[in-house]
PDB file of N, CA and C in Angstrom:
ATOM      1  N   MET A   1      -6.160 -19.819  -5.698  1.00  0.00           N
ATOM      2  CA  MET A   1      -5.874 -19.542  -6.486  1.00  0.00           C
ATOM      3  C   MET A   1      -4.400 -18.982  -5.921  1.00  0.00           C
ATOM      4  N   THR A   2      -3.839 -18.985  -6.443  1.00  0.00           N
ATOM      5  CA  THR A   2      -3.104 -17.939  -6.333  1.00  0.00           C
ATOM      6  C   THR A   2      -3.057 -16.434  -7.476  1.00  0.00           C
ATOM      7  N   TYR A   3      -2.889 -14.951  -6.796  1.00  0.00           N
ATOM      8  CA  TYR A   3      -2.792 -13.505  -7.243  1.00  0.00           C
ATOM      9  C   TYR A   3      -1.401 -13.368  -7.009  1.00  0.00           C
ATOM     10  N   LYS A   4      -1.484 -12.287  -8.716  1.00  0.00           N
ATOM     11  CA  LYS A   4       0.141 -11.939  -8.447  1.00  0.00           C
ATOM     12  C   LYS A   4      -0.594 -10.808  -8.530  1.00  0.00           C
ATOM     13  N   VAL A   5       0.762 -10.240  -7.777  1.00  0.00           N
ATOM     14  CA  VAL A   5       0.963  -8.410  -6.791  1.00  0.00           C
ATOM     15  C   VAL A   5       2.128  -7.761  -7.528  1.00  0.00           C
ATOM     16  N   VAL A   6       1.329  -6.753  -7.242  1.00  0.00           N
ATOM     17  CA  VAL A   6       2.070  -5.749  -8.447  1.00  0.00           C
ATOM     18  C   VAL A   6       1.388  -4.854  -7.554  1.00  0.00           C
ATOM     19  N   PHE A   7       2.598  -3.855  -7.798  1.00  0.00           N
ATOM     20  CA  PHE A   7       2.519  -2.325  -7.249  1.00  0.00           C
ATOM     21  C   PHE A   7       2.407  -1.030  -8.558  1.00  0.00           C
ATOM     22  N   SER A   8       1.718   0.099  -8.409  1.00  0.00           N
ATOM     23  CA  SER A   8       1.540   0.861  -9.350  1.00  0.00           C
ATOM     24  C   SER A   8       2.887   1.517  -9.023  1.00  0.00           C
ATOM     25  N   PRO A   9       2.859   2.263 -10.014  1.00  0.00           N
ATOM     26  CA  PRO A   9       4.410   3.437 -10.361  1.00  0.00           C
ATOM     27  C   PRO A   9       3.263   4.706  -8.512  1.00  0.00           C
ATOM     28  N   GLU A  10       2.908   5.268  -8.841  1.00  0.00           N
ATOM     29  CA  GLU A  10       1.659   5.927  -7.357  1.00  0.00           C
ATOM     30  C   GLU A  10       3.236   4.900  -6.195  1.00  0.00           C
ATOM     31  N   ALA A  11       2.233   3.844  -6.061  1.00  0.00           N
ATOM     32  CA  ALA A  11       2.761   2.763  -5.153  1.00  0.00           C
ATOM     33  C   ALA A  11       4.413   2.604  -5.295  1.00  0.00           C
ATOM     34  N   GLU A  12       5.070   2.830  -5.427  1.00  0.00           N
ATOM     35  CA  GLU A  12       6.035   1.914  -6.040  1.00  0.00           C
ATOM     36  C   GLU A  12       6.704   3.399  -5.296  1.00  0.00           C
ATOM     37  N   ASN A  13       6.211   4.881  -5.641  1.00  0.00           N
ATOM     38  CA  ASN A  13       6.739   6.576  -5.609  1.00  0.00           C
ATOM     39  C   ASN A  13       6.413   6.638  -4.866  1.00  0.00           C
ATOM     40  N   ASP A  14       5.639   6.013  -3.620  1.00  0.00           N
ATOM     41  CA  ASP A  14       4.972   5.811  -1.992  1.00  0.00           C
ATOM     42  C   ASP A  14       6.323   5.255  -0.840  1.00  0.00           C
ATOM     43  N   LEU A  15       6.809   4.025  -1.582  1.00  0.00           N
ATOM     44  CA  LEU A  15       7.726   3.000  -0.844  1.00  0.00           C
ATOM     45  C   LEU A  15       8.791   4.002  -1.555  1.00  0.00           C
ATOM     46  N   LEU A  16       9.095   4.896  -1.344  1.00  0.00           N
ATOM     47  CA  LEU A  16      10.325   5.335  -1.953  1.00  0.00           C
ATOM     48  C   LEU A  16      10.792   6.433  -1.092  1.00  0.00           C
ATOM     49  N   GLU A  17       9.363   7.439  -1.206  1.00  0.00           N
ATOM     50  CA  GLU A  17       9.630   8.234  -0.369  1.00  0.00           C
ATOM     51  C   GLU A  17       9.852   7.894   0.815  1.00  0.00           C
ATOM     52  N   LEU A  18       8.901   6.460   1.427  1.00  0.00           N
ATOM     53  CA  LEU A  18       8.730   5.979   2.880  1.00  0.00           C
ATOM     54  C   LEU A  18       9.866   5.831   3.520  1.00  0.00           C
ATOM     55  N   TYR A  19      10.538   5.106   2.511  1.00  0.00           N
ATOM     56  CA  TYR A  19      12.068   4.440   2.603  1.00  0.00           C
ATOM     57  C   TYR A  19      12.886   6.115   3.133  1.00  0.00           C
ATOM     58  N   LEU A  20      13.071   6.585   2.691  1.00  0.00           N
ATOM     59  CA  LEU A  20      13.809   8.562   2.278  1.00  0.00           C
ATOM     60  C   LEU A  20      13.499   9.193   3.530  1.00  0.00           C
ATOM     61  N   TYR A  21      12.100   8.775   3.927  1.00  0.00           N
ATOM     62  CA  TYR A  21      11.722   9.908   5.328  1.00  0.00           C
ATOM     63  C   TYR A  21      12.070   9.316   6.689  1.00  0.00           C
ATOM     64  N   ILE A  22      11.857   7.362   6.572  1.00  0.00           N
ATOM     65  CA  ILE A  22      12.631   6.726   7.662  1.00  0.00           C
ATOM     66  C   ILE A  22      13.952   6.842   7.793  1.00  0.00           C
ATOM     67  N   ALA A  23      15.020   6.846   6.524  1.00  0.00           N
ATOM     68  CA  ALA A  23      16.368   5.980   6.651  1.00  0.00           C
ATOM     69  C   ALA A  23      16.480   7.839   7.232  1.00  0.00           C
ATOM     70  N   GLU A  24      15.737   9.413   6.782  1.00  0.00           N
ATOM     71  CA  GLU A  24      16.917  10.236   7.102  1.00  0.00           C
ATOM     72  C   GLU A  24      16.062  10.107   8.616  1.00  0.00           C
ATOM     73  N   GLN A  25      14.885  10.351   9.141  1.00  0.00           N
ATOM     74  CA  GLN A  25      14.922  10.186  11.335  1.00  0.00           C
ATOM     75  C   GLN A  25      15.246   9.455  11.110  1.00  0.00           C
ATOM     76  N   ALA A  26      15.909   7.090  10.815  1.00  0.00           N
ATOM     77  CA  ALA A  26      16.402   6.664  12.185  1.00  0.00           C
ATOM     78  C   ALA A  26      16.563   5.761  11.504  1.00  0.00           C
ATOM     79  N   GLY A  27      18.032   7.117  10.005  1.00  0.00           N
ATOM     80  CA  GLY A  27      18.583   5.724   9.188  1.00  0.00           C
ATOM     81  C   GLY A  27      18.316   4.637   8.297  1.00  0.00           C
ATOM     82  N   ASP A  28      19.178   4.549   7.430  1.00  0.00           N
ATOM     83  CA  ASP A  28      19.345   3.190   6.333  1.00  0.00           C
ATOM     84  C   ASP A  28      18.505   1.998   6.309  1.00  0.00           C
ATOM     85  N   ALA A  29      19.190   0.677   7.898  1.00  0.00           N
ATOM     86  CA  ALA A  29      18.861  -0.241   7.565  1.00  0.00           C
ATOM     87  C   ALA A  29      17.926  -0.210   8.383  1.00  0.00           C
ATOM     88  N   ARG A  30      17.542   1.172   9.078  1.00  0.00           N
ATOM     89  CA  ARG A  30      15.749   0.969   9.340  1.00  0.00           C
ATOM     90  C   ARG A  30      14.931   1.149   8.971  1.00  0.00           C
ATOM     91  N   ALA A  31      15.382   1.842   8.245  1.00  0.00           N
ATOM     92  CA  ALA A  31      14.114   2.286   7.454  1.00  0.00           C
ATOM     93  C   ALA A  31      14.459   0.781   5.694  1.00  0.00           C
ATOM     94  N   LEU A  32      15.250   0.472   5.468  1.00  0.00           N
ATOM     95  CA  LEU A  32      15.399  -0.751   5.002  1.00  0.00           C
ATOM     96  C   LEU A  32      14.361  -1.968   5.341  1.00  0.00           C
ATOM     97  N   ALA A  33      14.502  -2.333   6.670  1.00  0.00           N
ATOM     98  CA  ALA A  33      12.934  -2.768   7.315  1.00  0.00           C
ATOM     99  C   ALA A  33      12.115  -3.404   6.823  1.00  0.00           C
ATOM    100  N   TYR A  34      12.090  -1.756   7.923  1.00  0.00           N
ATOM    101  CA  TYR A  34      10.858  -1.711   7.235  1.00  0.00           C
ATOM    102  C   TYR A  34       9.720  -1.459   6.022  1.00  0.00           C
ATOM    103  N   VAL A  35      10.362  -0.780   5.490  1.00  0.00           N
ATOM    104  CA  VAL A  35      10.028  -0.997   3.986  1.00  0.00           C
ATOM    105  C   VAL A  35      10.340  -2.621   3.497  1.00  0.00           C
ATOM    106  N   GLU A  36      10.815  -3.596   3.867  1.00  0.00           N
ATOM    107  CA  GLU A  36      10.829  -5.135   3.372  1.00  0.00           C
ATOM    108  C   GLU A  36       9.616  -5.450   4.066  1.00  0.00           C
ATOM    109  N   ARG A  37       9.696  -4.974   5.317  1.00  0.00           N
ATOM    110  CA  ARG A  37       8.125  -6.320   6.180  1.00  0.00           C
ATOM    111  C   ARG A  37       6.421  -5.948   4.812  1.00  0.00           C
ATOM    112  N   LEU A  38       7.165  -3.915   4.814  1.00  0.00           N
ATOM    113  CA  LEU A  38       5.531  -3.845   4.400  1.00  0.00           C
ATOM    114  C   LEU A  38       5.289  -5.049   3.206  1.00  0.00           C
ATOM    115  N   GLU A  39       6.707  -4.504   2.633  1.00  0.00           N
ATOM    116  CA  GLU A  39       6.706  -5.257   0.676  1.00  0.00           C
ATOM    117  C   GLU A  39       6.254  -6.983   1.593  1.00  0.00           C
ATOM    118  N   ARG A  40       6.684  -7.572   2.151  1.00  0.00           N
ATOM    119  CA  ARG A  40       6.338  -8.722   2.652  1.00  0.00           C
ATOM    120  C   ARG A  40       4.854  -8.875   3.155  1.00  0.00           C
ATOM    121  N   TYR A  41       4.256  -7.481   3.509  1.00  0.00           N
ATOM    122  CA  TYR A  41       2.751  -7.714   3.806  1.00  0.00           C
ATOM    123  C   TYR A  41       1.810  -7.678   2.460  1.00  0.00           C
ATOM    124  N   CYS A  42       2.622  -7.216   2.247  1.00  0.00           N
ATOM    125  CA  CYS A  42       1.929  -7.222   0.888  1.00  0.00           C
ATOM    126  C   CYS A  42       1.939  -8.070   0.656  1.00  0.00           C
ATOM    127  N   LYS A  43       3.259  -9.207  -0.590  1.00  0.00           N
ATOM    128  CA  LYS A  43       3.175 -10.507  -0.985  1.00  0.00           C
ATOM    129  C   LYS A  43       2.193 -11.337  -0.600  1.00  0.00           C
ATOM    130  N   GLY A  44       1.692 -10.987   0.802  1.00  0.00           N
ATOM    131  CA  GLY A  44       0.927 -12.188   1.218  1.00  0.00           C
ATOM    132  C   GLY A  44      -0.430 -12.112   0.046  1.00  0.00           C
ATOM    133  N   PHE A  45      -0.744 -10.942  -0.064  1.00  0.00           N
ATOM    134  CA  PHE A  45      -2.099 -11.109  -0.533  1.00  0.00           C
ATOM    135  C   PHE A  45      -2.423 -11.812  -1.841  1.00  0.00           C
ATOM    136  N   GLU A  46      -0.950 -13.080  -2.304  1.00  0.00           N
ATOM    137  CA  GLU A  46      -0.977 -13.774  -3.162  1.00  0.00           C
ATOM    138  C   GLU A  46      -2.512 -14.615  -3.118  1.00  0.00           C
ATOM    139  N   GLU A  47      -1.820 -15.156  -1.684  1.00  0.00           N
ATOM    140  CA  GLU A  47      -3.245 -15.800  -0.633  1.00  0.00           C
ATOM    141  C   GLU A  47      -4.760 -16.101  -1.066  1.00  0.00           C
ATOM    142  N   PHE A  48      -4.824 -14.549   0.022  1.00  0.00           N
ATOM    143  CA  PHE A  48      -5.530 -14.241   0.694  1.00  0.00           C
ATOM    144  C   PHE A  48      -6.361 -12.613   0.274  1.00  0.00           C
ATOM    145  N   PRO A  49      -6.603 -12.236  -0.948  1.00  0.00           N
ATOM    146  CA  PRO A  49      -6.738 -10.703  -1.761  1.00  0.00           C
ATOM    147  C   PRO A  49      -7.970  -9.957  -1.029  1.00  0.00           C
ATOM    148  N   GLU A  50      -8.842 -10.632  -0.747  1.00  0.00           N
ATOM    149  CA  GLU A  50      -9.642 -10.037  -0.064  1.00  0.00           C
ATOM    150  C   GLU A  50      -9.827  -9.230   0.555  1.00  0.00           C
ATOM    151  N   ARG A  51      -9.570  -8.231   1.526  1.00  0.00           N
ATOM    152  CA  ARG A  51      -8.617  -8.075   2.764  1.00  0.00           C
ATOM    153  C   ARG A  51      -9.319  -6.940   2.525  1.00  0.00           C
ATOM    154  N   GLY A  52      -9.499  -6.097   4.122  1.00  0.00           N
ATOM    155  CA  GLY A  52      -9.194  -4.439   4.981  1.00  0.00           C
ATOM    156  C   GLY A  52     -11.269  -3.776   4.388  1.00  0.00           C
ATOM    157  N   THR A  53     -11.119  -2.870   4.102  1.00  0.00           N
ATOM    158  CA  THR A  53     -11.869  -2.127   3.588  1.00  0.00           C
ATOM    159  C   THR A  53     -13.003  -1.979   2.151  1.00  0.00           C
ATOM    160  N   SER A  54     -14.059  -2.277   1.428  1.00  0.00           N
ATOM    161  CA  SER A  54     -14.410  -1.688   0.495  1.00  0.00           C
ATOM    162  C   SER A  54     -14.759  -0.175   0.607  1.00  0.00           C
ATOM    163  N   ARG A  55     -14.514   0.511   0.131  1.00  0.00           N
ATOM    164  CA  ARG A  55     -14.188   2.176  -0.441  1.00  0.00           C
ATOM    165  C   ARG A  55     -15.429   2.190  -2.254  1.00  0.00           C
ATOM    166  N   ASP A  56     -15.656   1.219  -2.276  1.00  0.00           N
ATOM    167  CA  ASP A  56     -16.581   1.776  -3.363  1.00  0.00           C
ATOM    168  C   ASP A  56     -16.917   3.277  -3.441  1.00  0.00           C
ATOM    169  N   ASP A  57     -16.625   4.446  -2.396  1.00  0.00           N
ATOM    170  CA  ASP A  57     -17.394   5.691  -2.527  1.00  0.00           C
ATOM    171  C   ASP A  57     -16.391   6.512  -3.229  1.00  0.00           C
ATOM    172  N   LEU A  58     -15.225   6.250  -2.833  1.00  0.00           N
ATOM    173  CA  LEU A  58     -13.237   6.485  -3.650  1.00  0.00           C
ATOM    174  C   LEU A  58     -13.775   6.527  -5.138  1.00  0.00           C
ATOM    175  N   PHE A  59     -13.513   4.616  -5.594  1.00  0.00           N
ATOM    176  CA  PHE A  59     -13.851   4.533  -6.368  1.00  0.00           C
ATOM    177  C   PHE A  59     -13.889   3.138  -6.609  1.00  0.00           C
ATOM    178  N   PRO A  60     -15.062   2.295  -8.135  1.00  0.00           N
ATOM    179  CA  PRO A  60     -15.252   1.555  -8.177  1.00  0.00           C
ATOM    180  C   PRO A  60     -14.241  -0.010  -7.774  1.00  0.00           C
ATOM    181  N   GLY A  61     -14.047  -0.927  -6.676  1.00  0.00           N
ATOM    182  CA  GLY A  61     -13.031  -1.896  -6.463  1.00  0.00           C
ATOM    183  C   GLY A  61     -12.242  -1.870  -5.542  1.00  0.00           C
ATOM    184  N   LEU A  62     -12.091  -0.711  -5.144  1.00  0.00           N
ATOM    185  CA  LEU A  62     -10.889   0.324  -3.914  1.00  0.00           C
ATOM    186  C   LEU A  62     -11.128  -0.582  -2.688  1.00  0.00           C
ATOM    187  N   ARG A  63      -9.758  -1.352  -2.417  1.00  0.00           N
ATOM    188  CA  ARG A  63     -10.183  -1.664  -0.641  1.00  0.00           C
ATOM    189  C   ARG A  63      -8.549  -1.119  -0.041  1.00  0.00           C
ATOM    190  N   ILE A  64      -9.113  -0.889   1.150  1.00  0.00           N
ATOM    191  CA  ILE A  64      -7.765   0.115   1.427  1.00  0.00           C
ATOM    192  C   ILE A  64      -7.904  -1.440   2.746  1.00  0.00           C
ATOM    193  N   VAL A  65      -6.639  -1.491   3.910  1.00  0.00           N
ATOM    194  CA  VAL A  65      -5.814  -1.878   4.958  1.00  0.00           C
ATOM    195  C   VAL A  65      -4.992  -1.420   5.433  1.00  0.00           C
ATOM    196  N   GLY A  66      -4.691  -1.915   6.749  1.00  0.00           N
ATOM    197  CA  GLY A  66      -3.419  -0.802   7.333  1.00  0.00           C
ATOM    198  C   GLY A  66      -3.132  -1.682   7.720  1.00  0.00           C
ATOM    199  N   PHE A  67      -2.044  -1.396   7.682  1.00  0.00           N
ATOM    200  CA  PHE A  67       0.022  -1.474   8.179  1.00  0.00           C
ATOM    201  C   PHE A  67       0.139  -1.031   9.591  1.00  0.00           C
ATOM    202  N   GLU A  68       0.973  -1.518  10.508  1.00  0.00           N
ATOM    203  CA  GLU A  68       1.516  -1.536  11.775  1.00  0.00           C
ATOM    204  C   GLU A  68       0.952   0.281  11.740  1.00  0.00           C
ATOM    205  N   HIS A  69      -0.462   0.457  12.546  1.00  0.00           N
ATOM    206  CA  HIS A  69      -0.645   0.889  12.425  1.00  0.00           C
ATOM    207  C   HIS A  69      -0.735   2.868  12.000  1.00  0.00           C
ATOM    208  N   ARG A  70       0.342   2.844  11.481  1.00  0.00           N
ATOM    209  CA  ARG A  70       0.618   3.778  10.975  1.00  0.00           C
ATOM    210  C   ARG A  70       0.994   4.582   9.243  1.00  0.00           C
ATOM    211  N   VAL A  71       0.535   3.219   8.391  1.00  0.00           N
ATOM    212  CA  VAL A  71      -0.210   3.081   7.079  1.00  0.00           C
ATOM    213  C   VAL A  71      -1.284   2.792   6.485  1.00  0.00           C
ATOM    214  N   SER A  72      -1.484   3.215   5.343  1.00  0.00           N
ATOM    215  CA  SER A  72      -3.104   2.834   4.657  1.00  0.00           C
ATOM    216  C   SER A  72      -2.536   2.582   3.474  1.00  0.00           C
ATOM    217  N   ILE A  73      -2.628   0.557   3.273  1.00  0.00           N
ATOM    218  CA  ILE A  73      -2.550   0.028   1.933  1.00  0.00           C
ATOM    219  C   ILE A  73      -3.685   0.466   0.847  1.00  0.00           C
ATOM    220  N   ALA A  74      -3.737   1.680  -0.305  1.00  0.00           N
ATOM    221  CA  ALA A  74      -4.589   0.755  -1.205  1.00  0.00           C
ATOM    222  C   ALA A  74      -4.980   0.417  -2.144  1.00  0.00           C
ATOM    223  N   PHE A  75      -5.790  -1.145  -2.389  1.00  0.00           N
ATOM    224  CA  PHE A  75      -5.313  -1.318  -3.910  1.00  0.00           C
ATOM    225  C   PHE A  75      -6.584  -2.549  -3.995  1.00  0.00           C
ATOM    226  N   HIS A  76      -7.095  -2.329  -5.057  1.00  0.00           N
ATOM    227  CA  HIS A  76      -7.971  -3.508  -5.582  1.00  0.00           C
ATOM    228  C   HIS A  76      -7.366  -5.007  -6.514  1.00  0.00           C
ATOM    229  N   VAL A  77      -8.712  -5.496  -6.412  1.00  0.00           N
ATOM    230  CA  VAL A  77      -8.354  -6.989  -6.885  1.00  0.00           C
ATOM    231  C   VAL A  77      -8.725  -7.847  -8.462  1.00  0.00           C
ATOM    232  N   ASN A  78      -8.544  -8.276  -9.269  1.00  0.00           N
ATOM    233  CA  ASN A  78      -8.871  -8.270 -10.044  1.00  0.00           C
ATOM    234  C   ASN A  78      -9.180  -9.620 -10.163  1.00  0.00           C
ATOM    235  N   ALA A  79      -9.428 -10.478 -11.963  1.00  0.00           N
ATOM    236  CA  ALA A  79      -9.308 -11.682 -11.696  1.00  0.00           C
ATOM    237  C   ALA A  79      -8.511 -12.603 -10.919  1.00  0.00           C
ATOM    238  N   ASP A  80      -7.107 -12.185 -11.786  1.00  0.00           N
ATOM    239  CA  ASP A  80      -5.883 -12.711 -10.729  1.00  0.00           C
ATOM    240  C   ASP A  80      -5.133 -12.417 -10.362  1.00  0.00           C
ATOM    241  N   THR A  81      -5.015 -10.545 -10.338  1.00  0.00           N
ATOM    242  CA  THR A  81      -3.764  -9.643 -10.030  1.00  0.00           C
ATOM    243  C   THR A  81      -4.845  -8.758  -9.184  1.00  0.00           C
ATOM    244  N   VAL A  82      -3.650  -8.403  -7.551  1.00  0.00           N
ATOM    245  CA  VAL A  82      -4.168  -7.920  -7.098  1.00  0.00           C
ATOM    246  C   VAL A  82      -2.848  -6.291  -7.495  1.00  0.00           C
ATOM    247  N   THR A  83      -3.426  -5.212  -7.231  1.00  0.00           N
ATOM    248  CA  THR A  83      -2.756  -4.025  -7.076  1.00  0.00           C
ATOM    249  C   THR A  83      -2.514  -3.618  -6.621  1.00  0.00           C
ATOM    250  N   PHE A  84      -1.366  -2.638  -6.451  1.00  0.00           N
ATOM    251  CA  PHE A  84      -2.225  -1.760  -5.004  1.00  0.00           C
ATOM    252  C   PHE A  84      -1.608  -0.664  -5.175  1.00  0.00           C
ATOM    253  N   ASP A  85      -2.284   0.072  -5.346  1.00  0.00           N
ATOM    254  CA  ASP A  85      -2.547   1.365  -6.607  1.00  0.00           C
ATOM    255  C   ASP A  85      -1.465   2.813  -4.993  1.00  0.00           C
ATOM    256  N   ARG A  86      -2.080   2.594  -4.195  1.00  0.00           N
ATOM    257  CA  ARG A  86      -1.167   3.311  -2.799  1.00  0.00           C
ATOM    258  C   ARG A  86      -0.692   3.483  -1.429  1.00  0.00           C
ATOM    259  N   ILE A  87      -0.135   3.920  -0.809  1.00  0.00           N
ATOM    260  CA  ILE A  87       0.674   2.791  -0.068  1.00  0.00           C
ATOM    261  C   ILE A  87       1.500   4.617   1.376  1.00  0.00           C
ATOM    262  N   LEU A  88      -0.101   4.979   2.134  1.00  0.00           N
ATOM    263  CA  LEU A  88      -0.589   6.449   2.329  1.00  0.00           C
ATOM    264  C   LEU A  88       0.695   6.775   3.928  1.00  0.00           C
ATOM    265  N   TYR A  89       1.318   7.059   4.383  1.00  0.00           N
ATOM    266  CA  TYR A  89       2.036   6.899   6.117  1.00  0.00           C
ATOM    267  C   TYR A  89       1.361   7.943   6.605  1.00  0.00           C
ATOM    268  N   GLY A  90       1.399   7.397   7.131  1.00  0.00           N
ATOM    269  CA  GLY A  90       1.306   8.416   8.912  1.00  0.00           C
ATOM    270  C   GLY A  90       0.015   9.276   8.630  1.00  0.00           C
ATOM    271  N   GLY A  91      -0.916   9.207   8.323  1.00  0.00           N
ATOM    272  CA  GLY A  91      -2.107  10.205   7.809  1.00  0.00           C
ATOM    273  C   GLY A  91      -2.323  10.335   7.081  1.00  0.00           C
ATOM    274  N   ARG A  92      -1.985  10.372   5.803  1.00  0.00           N
ATOM    275  CA  ARG A  92      -2.110  10.316   4.015  1.00  0.00           C
ATOM    276  C   ARG A  92      -3.241  10.801   4.684  1.00  0.00           C
ATOM    277  N   ASP A  93      -4.253  11.863   3.269  1.00  0.00           N
ATOM    278  CA  ASP A  93      -5.761  11.761   3.013  1.00  0.00           C
ATOM    279  C   ASP A  93      -5.240  10.960   1.976  1.00  0.00           C
ATOM    280  N   LEU A  94      -6.676   9.509   1.689  1.00  0.00           N
ATOM    281  CA  LEU A  94      -6.881   9.462   0.846  1.00  0.00           C
ATOM    282  C   LEU A  94      -7.544  10.239   0.121  1.00  0.00           C
ATOM    283  N   GLU A  95      -8.357  10.520   0.522  1.00  0.00           N
ATOM    284  CA  GLU A  95      -9.924  11.177   0.360  1.00  0.00           C
ATOM    285  C   GLU A  95      -8.846  11.977  -0.619  1.00  0.00           C
ATOM    286  N   SER A  96      -7.988  13.389   0.217  1.00  0.00           N
ATOM    287  CA  SER A  96      -7.476  14.317  -0.709  1.00  0.00           C
ATOM    288  C   SER A  96      -7.434  13.810  -2.095  1.00  0.00           C
ATOM    289  N   LEU A  97      -6.564  12.462  -2.172  1.00  0.00           N
ATOM    290  CA  LEU A  97      -5.497  12.207  -2.998  1.00  0.00           C
ATOM    291  C   LEU A  97      -6.613  11.617  -4.405  1.00  0.00           C
ATOM    292  N   ALA A  98      -7.502  11.083  -4.163  1.00  0.00           N
ATOM    293  CA  ALA A  98      -9.161  10.897  -4.709  1.00  0.00           C
ATOM    294  C   ALA A  98      -9.435  12.168  -5.461  1.00  0.00           C
ATOM    295  N   ASP A  99     -10.209  12.679  -4.109  1.00  0.00           N
ATOM    296  CA  ASP A  99     -10.129  14.810  -4.947  1.00  0.00           C
ATOM    297  C   ASP A  99      -9.344  14.618  -5.971  1.00  0.00           C
ATOM    298  N   ASP A 100      -8.334  14.331  -5.966  1.00  0.00           N
ATOM    299  CA  ASP A 100      -6.805  15.500  -6.898  1.00  0.00           C
ATOM    300  C   ASP A 100      -7.319  14.692  -8.476  1.00  0.00           C
ATOM    301  N   THR A 101      -8.091  14.136  -8.403  1.00  0.00           N
ATOM    302  CA  THR A 101      -7.855  13.247  -9.593  1.00  0.00           C
ATOM    303  C   THR A 101      -9.077  12.606 -10.927  1.00  0.00           C
TER     304      THR A 101
END
């Protein structure tokens, strides 16, 4: 079965902020390459979505997976969809974001 992959508005904003941060530090080309690699990684969840660690303690059905040692990706899987909820770069704390909701 192939799952549909979607990014929440918050995850899309996280990607934009990540791009802007890297572009400022290392240039547009490097930022674009990094974000494209990250998006390709996420698209790979179409085939195998049940990855990462379950974090039902934060939200029911929430899963967390890392990317290249610097990014934590929060997502959940429904019957036919993988939704990326947040993409947190460089130590941003998912638990503190959960406390804000």
